[in-house]
Amino acid sequence: MIDEMKKFLLFPLAALVLSVGCGEKAEQATDVASRIKAMEDSVFESLSFDQRKAQALLDVYKSFAKNYPQDSLAPEYLFRAANLAKTMHDGEQGIVLYDRIIKDYPTWKRLPDVYYLKAFTIDSDLDRKGEAKTAYEEVIARYPDHPFAKDARAMIDNLQYTDEELIQRFQQMQGDSAAPVAQGE
């Protein structure tokens, strides 16, 4: 069983390293992307979260972006790596990866998502309210008409409340909306 896990974790990494040194870059990237897909399927097929498989996948995502920075999948894999880091309770690494996407891929189509998730990670995972407010304000300034701008405004409004206060406010809103409407209104 352990040997099987070693093969699972080491084979894709070894294949990635070997593929960098030979053949066409585009063909190599496609081959590596298909291996990444297989790793993703393996990590997410089970109800239990396997930290080792997730870390191996995160490393392969980052390696792909390093070896194929011009490939259209590079920012996508960095984005997935950032989200996976967040899932693994490593908000700091997530922020580093979001910042890398912002710096290296300033025209990527999902950049509003990156900015918003960076702000959300600072807020929810790292609990740095002042920094989160600044990051949410950046979402609003850069993408004022994007749905995430509305979400960022709401998040800024909620930064002042503790988790308990937010729960209480939500429950009050649910109670208010659950009130029956009088006939004739």
C-alpha atoms as a PDB file:
ATOM      1  CA  MET A   1       0.000   0.000   0.000  1.00  0.00           C
ATOM      2  CA  ILE A   2       2.779   2.443   0.926  1.00  0.00           C
ATOM      3  CA  ASP A   3       4.663   1.521  -2.246  1.00  0.00           C
ATOM      4  CA  GLU A   4       1.475   2.226  -4.227  1.00  0.00           C
ATOM      5  CA  MET A   5       1.202   5.676  -2.606  1.00  0.00           C
ATOM      6  CA  LYS A   6       4.853   6.411  -3.345  1.00  0.00           C
ATOM      7  CA  LYS A   7       4.311   5.499  -6.990  1.00  0.00           C
ATOM      8  CA  PHE A   8       1.210   7.698  -7.117  1.00  0.00           C
ATOM      9  CA  LEU A   9       2.969  10.673  -5.595  1.00  0.00           C
ATOM     10  CA  LEU A  10       6.387  10.320  -7.190  1.00  0.00           C
ATOM     11  CA  PHE A  11       5.501   9.231 -10.717  1.00  0.00           C
ATOM     12  CA  PRO A  12       3.741  12.456 -11.742  1.00  0.00           C
ATOM     13  CA  LEU A  13       6.512  14.568 -10.238  1.00  0.00           C
ATOM     14  CA  ALA A  14       9.224  12.527 -11.928  1.00  0.00           C
ATOM     15  CA  ALA A  15       7.333  12.606 -15.220  1.00  0.00           C
ATOM     16  CA  LEU A  16       6.984  16.355 -14.935  1.00  0.00           C
ATOM     17  CA  VAL A  17      10.700  16.821 -14.343  1.00  0.00           C
ATOM     18  CA  LEU A  18      11.654  14.437 -17.158  1.00  0.00           C
ATOM     19  CA  SER A  19       9.218  15.970 -19.608  1.00  0.00           C
ATOM     20  CA  VAL A  20      10.775  19.411 -19.195  1.00  0.00           C
ATOM     21  CA  GLY A  21      14.016  18.276 -20.804  1.00  0.00           C
ATOM     22  CA  CYS A  22      12.681  16.790 -24.046  1.00  0.00           C
ATOM     23  CA  GLY A  23      10.339  17.390 -26.988  1.00  0.00           C
ATOM     24  CA  GLU A  24       7.961  20.223 -27.840  1.00  0.00           C
ATOM     25  CA  LYS A  25       6.951  22.525 -24.988  1.00  0.00           C
ATOM     26  CA  ALA A  26       3.268  22.619 -25.996  1.00  0.00           C
ATOM     27  CA  GLU A  27       3.075  18.842 -26.317  1.00  0.00           C
ATOM     28  CA  GLN A  28       4.826  18.432 -22.978  1.00  0.00           C
ATOM     29  CA  ALA A  29       2.454  20.860 -21.320  1.00  0.00           C
ATOM     30  CA  THR A  30      -0.530  18.937 -22.694  1.00  0.00           C
ATOM     31  CA  ASP A  31       0.906  15.667 -21.402  1.00  0.00           C
ATOM     32  CA  VAL A  32       1.578  17.146 -17.967  1.00  0.00           C
ATOM     33  CA  ALA A  33      -1.909  18.693 -17.897  1.00  0.00           C
ATOM     34  CA  SER A  34      -3.458  15.267 -18.482  1.00  0.00           C
ATOM     35  CA  ARG A  35      -1.406  13.851 -15.600  1.00  0.00           C
ATOM     36  CA  ILE A  36      -2.527  16.743 -13.421  1.00  0.00           C
ATOM     37  CA  LYS A  37      -6.140  15.889 -14.277  1.00  0.00           C
ATOM     38  CA  ALA A  38      -5.556  12.324 -13.118  1.00  0.00           C
ATOM     39  CA  MET A  39      -4.038  13.583  -9.862  1.00  0.00           C
ATOM     40  CA  GLU A  40      -7.007  15.924  -9.341  1.00  0.00           C
ATOM     41  CA  ASP A  41      -9.412  13.049  -9.855  1.00  0.00           C
ATOM     42  CA  SER A  42      -7.508  10.978  -7.299  1.00  0.00           C
ATOM     43  CA  VAL A  43      -7.390  13.771  -4.698  1.00  0.00           C
ATOM     44  CA  PHE A  44     -11.056  14.656  -5.006  1.00  0.00           C
ATOM     45  CA  GLU A  45     -12.572  11.201  -5.567  1.00  0.00           C
ATOM     46  CA  SER A  46     -12.694  10.331  -1.884  1.00  0.00           C
ATOM     47  CA  LEU A  47     -14.819  11.847   0.840  1.00  0.00           C
ATOM     48  CA  SER A  48     -11.770  11.925   3.108  1.00  0.00           C
ATOM     49  CA  PHE A  49      -9.124  14.532   2.426  1.00  0.00           C
ATOM     50  CA  ASP A  50      -5.661  13.082   1.824  1.00  0.00           C
ATOM     51  CA  GLN A  51      -3.154  15.756   2.845  1.00  0.00           C
ATOM     52  CA  ARG A  52      -0.238  14.041   1.078  1.00  0.00           C
ATOM     53  CA  LYS A  53      -2.031  13.733  -2.241  1.00  0.00           C
ATOM     54  CA  ALA A  54      -3.218  17.311  -1.943  1.00  0.00           C
ATOM     55  CA  GLN A  55       0.316  18.547  -1.240  1.00  0.00           C
ATOM     56  CA  ALA A  56       1.657  16.574  -4.203  1.00  0.00           C
ATOM     57  CA  LEU A  57      -1.021  18.099  -6.437  1.00  0.00           C
ATOM     58  CA  LEU A  58      -0.272  21.591  -5.132  1.00  0.00           C
ATOM     59  CA  ASP A  59       3.432  21.078  -5.879  1.00  0.00           C
ATOM     60  CA  VAL A  60       2.666  19.867  -9.403  1.00  0.00           C
ATOM     61  CA  TYR A  61       0.412  22.877 -10.054  1.00  0.00           C
ATOM     62  CA  LYS A  62       3.225  25.225  -9.049  1.00  0.00           C
ATOM     63  CA  SER A  63       5.802  23.250 -11.011  1.00  0.00           C
ATOM     64  CA  PHE A  64       3.656  23.422 -14.148  1.00  0.00           C
ATOM     65  CA  ALA A  65       3.381  27.209 -13.862  1.00  0.00           C
ATOM     66  CA  LYS A  66       7.136  27.482 -13.324  1.00  0.00           C
ATOM     67  CA  ASN A  67       8.023  25.248 -16.282  1.00  0.00           C
ATOM     68  CA  TYR A  68       5.311  26.487 -18.672  1.00  0.00           C
ATOM     69  CA  PRO A  69       4.683  30.108 -17.662  1.00  0.00           C
ATOM     70  CA  GLN A  70       3.354  31.034 -21.103  1.00  0.00           C
ATOM     71  CA  ASP A  71       0.872  28.181 -21.249  1.00  0.00           C
ATOM     72  CA  SER A  72      -2.764  29.245 -20.885  1.00  0.00           C
ATOM     73  CA  LEU A  73      -3.174  26.722 -18.056  1.00  0.00           C
ATOM     74  CA  ALA A  74      -0.428  28.292 -15.905  1.00  0.00           C
ATOM     75  CA  PRO A  75      -2.627  30.933 -14.216  1.00  0.00           C
ATOM     76  CA  GLU A  76      -5.469  28.426 -13.859  1.00  0.00           C
ATOM     77  CA  TYR A  77      -3.196  25.942 -12.089  1.00  0.00           C
ATOM     78  CA  LEU A  78      -1.826  28.676  -9.823  1.00  0.00           C
ATOM     79  CA  PHE A  79      -5.418  29.618  -9.011  1.00  0.00           C
ATOM     80  CA  ARG A  80      -6.245  26.005  -8.194  1.00  0.00           C
ATOM     81  CA  ALA A  81      -3.068  25.785  -6.112  1.00  0.00           C
ATOM     82  CA  ALA A  82      -4.084  28.880  -4.131  1.00  0.00           C
ATOM     83  CA  ASN A  83      -7.531  27.429  -3.483  1.00  0.00           C
ATOM     84  CA  LEU A  84      -6.031  24.086  -2.519  1.00  0.00           C
ATOM     85  CA  ALA A  85      -3.619  25.842  -0.127  1.00  0.00           C
ATOM     86  CA  LYS A  86      -6.638  27.566   1.430  1.00  0.00           C
ATOM     87  CA  THR A  87      -8.363  24.181   1.797  1.00  0.00           C
ATOM     88  CA  MET A  88      -5.205  22.890   3.479  1.00  0.00           C
ATOM     89  CA  HIS A  89      -5.438  25.801   5.970  1.00  0.00           C
ATOM     90  CA  ASP A  90      -2.401  27.553   4.525  1.00  0.00           C
ATOM     91  CA  GLY A  91      -3.816  30.996   3.849  1.00  0.00           C
ATOM     92  CA  GLU A  92      -0.350  32.538   3.677  1.00  0.00           C
ATOM     93  CA  GLN A  93       0.626  30.323   0.747  1.00  0.00           C
ATOM     94  CA  GLY A  94      -2.727  31.062  -0.869  1.00  0.00           C
ATOM     95  CA  ILE A  95      -2.013  34.805  -0.681  1.00  0.00           C
ATOM     96  CA  VAL A  96       1.450  34.304  -2.187  1.00  0.00           C
ATOM     97  CA  LEU A  97      -0.082  32.366  -5.073  1.00  0.00           C
ATOM     98  CA  TYR A  98      -2.872  34.917  -5.641  1.00  0.00           C
ATOM     99  CA  ASP A  99      -0.235  37.674  -5.686  1.00  0.00           C
ATOM    100  CA  ARG A 100       1.811  35.685  -8.193  1.00  0.00           C
ATOM    101  CA  ILE A 101      -1.181  35.459 -10.526  1.00  0.00           C
ATOM    102  CA  ILE A 102      -1.820  39.196 -10.172  1.00  0.00           C
ATOM    103  CA  LYS A 103       1.822  39.989 -10.959  1.00  0.00           C
ATOM    104  CA  ASP A 104       2.499  37.439 -13.704  1.00  0.00           C
ATOM    105  CA  TYR A 105      -0.916  37.296 -15.429  1.00  0.00           C
ATOM    106  CA  PRO A 106      -2.419  40.816 -15.195  1.00  0.00           C
ATOM    107  CA  THR A 107      -4.816  40.216 -18.086  1.00  0.00           C
ATOM    108  CA  TRP A 108      -6.091  36.785 -17.041  1.00  0.00           C
ATOM    109  CA  LYS A 109      -9.868  36.506 -17.434  1.00  0.00           C
ATOM    110  CA  ARG A 110     -10.432  35.375 -13.827  1.00  0.00           C
ATOM    111  CA  LEU A 111      -8.483  38.181 -12.190  1.00  0.00           C
ATOM    112  CA  PRO A 112     -11.590  39.560 -10.400  1.00  0.00           C
ATOM    113  CA  ASP A 113     -11.947  36.152  -8.723  1.00  0.00           C
ATOM    114  CA  VAL A 114      -8.291  36.274  -7.698  1.00  0.00           C
ATOM    115  CA  TYR A 115      -8.591  39.703  -6.106  1.00  0.00           C
ATOM    116  CA  TYR A 116     -11.787  38.770  -4.287  1.00  0.00           C
ATOM    117  CA  LEU A 117     -10.517  35.417  -3.023  1.00  0.00           C
ATOM    118  CA  LYS A 118      -7.302  37.063  -1.879  1.00  0.00           C
ATOM    119  CA  ALA A 119      -9.344  39.546   0.183  1.00  0.00           C
ATOM    120  CA  PHE A 120     -11.588  36.775   1.488  1.00  0.00           C
ATOM    121  CA  THR A 121      -8.576  34.660   2.490  1.00  0.00           C
ATOM    122  CA  ILE A 122      -7.014  37.588   4.351  1.00  0.00           C
ATOM    123  CA  ASP A 123     -10.336  38.121   6.113  1.00  0.00           C
ATOM    124  CA  SER A 124     -11.554  34.613   6.890  1.00  0.00           C
ATOM    125  CA  ASP A 125      -8.365  32.547   7.122  1.00  0.00           C
ATOM    126  CA  LEU A 126      -5.837  35.046   8.417  1.00  0.00           C
ATOM    127  CA  ASP A 127      -8.261  37.277  10.357  1.00  0.00           C
ATOM    128  CA  ARG A 128      -6.445  40.480   9.399  1.00  0.00           C
ATOM    129  CA  LYS A 129      -9.426  42.826   9.239  1.00  0.00           C
ATOM    130  CA  GLY A 130      -7.556  46.021   8.309  1.00  0.00           C
ATOM    131  CA  GLU A 131      -5.671  44.339   5.495  1.00  0.00           C
ATOM    132  CA  ALA A 132      -8.870  42.580   4.386  1.00  0.00           C
ATOM    133  CA  LYS A 133     -10.708  45.912   4.171  1.00  0.00           C
ATOM    134  CA  THR A 134      -7.955  47.313   1.949  1.00  0.00           C
ATOM    135  CA  ALA A 135      -8.076  44.195  -0.252  1.00  0.00           C
ATOM    136  CA  TYR A 136     -11.884  44.366  -0.543  1.00  0.00           C
ATOM    137  CA  GLU A 137     -11.618  48.058  -1.442  1.00  0.00           C
ATOM    138  CA  GLU A 138      -9.189  47.110  -4.213  1.00  0.00           C
ATOM    139  CA  VAL A 139     -11.782  44.703  -5.641  1.00  0.00           C
ATOM    140  CA  ILE A 140     -14.334  47.540  -5.679  1.00  0.00           C
ATOM    141  CA  ALA A 141     -11.894  50.025  -7.223  1.00  0.00           C
ATOM    142  CA  ARG A 142     -10.673  47.652  -9.957  1.00  0.00           C
ATOM    143  CA  TYR A 143     -13.998  46.012 -10.808  1.00  0.00           C
ATOM    144  CA  PRO A 144     -16.810  48.369  -9.727  1.00  0.00           C
ATOM    145  CA  ASP A 145     -19.413  46.721 -11.976  1.00  0.00           C
ATOM    146  CA  HIS A 146     -18.458  43.123 -11.226  1.00  0.00           C
ATOM    147  CA  PRO A 147     -20.697  41.076  -8.891  1.00  0.00           C
ATOM    148  CA  PHE A 148     -17.701  40.676  -6.583  1.00  0.00           C
ATOM    149  CA  ALA A 149     -17.713  44.452  -5.987  1.00  0.00           C
ATOM    150  CA  LYS A 150     -21.152  44.116  -4.403  1.00  0.00           C
ATOM    151  CA  ASP A 151     -19.944  41.163  -2.347  1.00  0.00           C
ATOM    152  CA  ALA A 152     -16.832  43.110  -1.300  1.00  0.00           C
ATOM    153  CA  ARG A 153     -19.002  46.016  -0.084  1.00  0.00           C
ATOM    154  CA  ALA A 154     -21.057  43.606   2.013  1.00  0.00           C
ATOM    155  CA  MET A 155     -17.913  42.024   3.420  1.00  0.00           C
ATOM    156  CA  ILE A 156     -16.541  45.444   4.387  1.00  0.00           C
ATOM    157  CA  ASP A 157     -19.821  46.202   6.159  1.00  0.00           C
ATOM    158  CA  ASN A 158     -19.516  42.934   8.081  1.00  0.00           C
ATOM    159  CA  LEU A 159     -15.877  43.382   9.127  1.00  0.00           C
ATOM    160  CA  GLN A 160     -16.977  45.336  12.182  1.00  0.00           C
ATOM    161  CA  TYR A 161     -18.914  42.398  13.638  1.00  0.00           C
ATOM    162  CA  THR A 162     -17.714  39.348  15.527  1.00  0.00           C
ATOM    163  CA  ASP A 163     -18.747  35.932  14.235  1.00  0.00           C
ATOM    164  CA  GLU A 164     -21.366  35.711  16.979  1.00  0.00           C
ATOM    165  CA  GLU A 165     -22.799  39.111  16.033  1.00  0.00           C
ATOM    166  CA  LEU A 166     -22.932  38.100  12.367  1.00  0.00           C
ATOM    167  CA  ILE A 167     -24.807  34.918  13.234  1.00  0.00           C
ATOM    168  CA  GLN A 168     -27.250  36.907  15.352  1.00  0.00           C
ATOM    169  CA  ARG A 169     -27.785  39.454  12.549  1.00  0.00           C
ATOM    170  CA  PHE A 170     -28.336  36.658  10.024  1.00  0.00           C
ATOM    171  CA  GLN A 171     -30.841  34.961  12.302  1.00  0.00           C
ATOM    172  CA  GLN A 172     -32.685  38.252  12.776  1.00  0.00           C
ATOM    173  CA  MET A 173     -32.814  38.777   9.002  1.00  0.00           C
ATOM    174  CA  GLN A 174     -34.146  35.238   8.559  1.00  0.00           C
ATOM    175  CA  GLY A 175     -36.775  35.891  11.201  1.00  0.00           C
ATOM    176  CA  ASP A 176     -37.802  39.147   9.543  1.00  0.00           C
ATOM    177  CA  SER A 177     -38.075  37.535   6.111  1.00  0.00           C
ATOM    178  CA  ALA A 178     -39.989  34.582   7.518  1.00  0.00           C
ATOM    179  CA  ALA A 179     -42.698  36.845   8.931  1.00  0.00           C
ATOM    180  CA  PRO A 180     -46.019  36.217   7.211  1.00  0.00           C
ATOM    181  CA  VAL A 181     -47.253  38.881   4.848  1.00  0.00           C
ATOM    182  CA  ALA A 182     -50.687  40.216   5.690  1.00  0.00           C
ATOM    183  CA  GLN A 183     -53.311  39.634   2.998  1.00  0.00           C
ATOM    184  CA  GLY A 184     -54.002  42.627   0.835  1.00  0.00           C
ATOM    185  CA  GLU A 185     -50.397  43.908   0.941  1.00  0.00           C
END
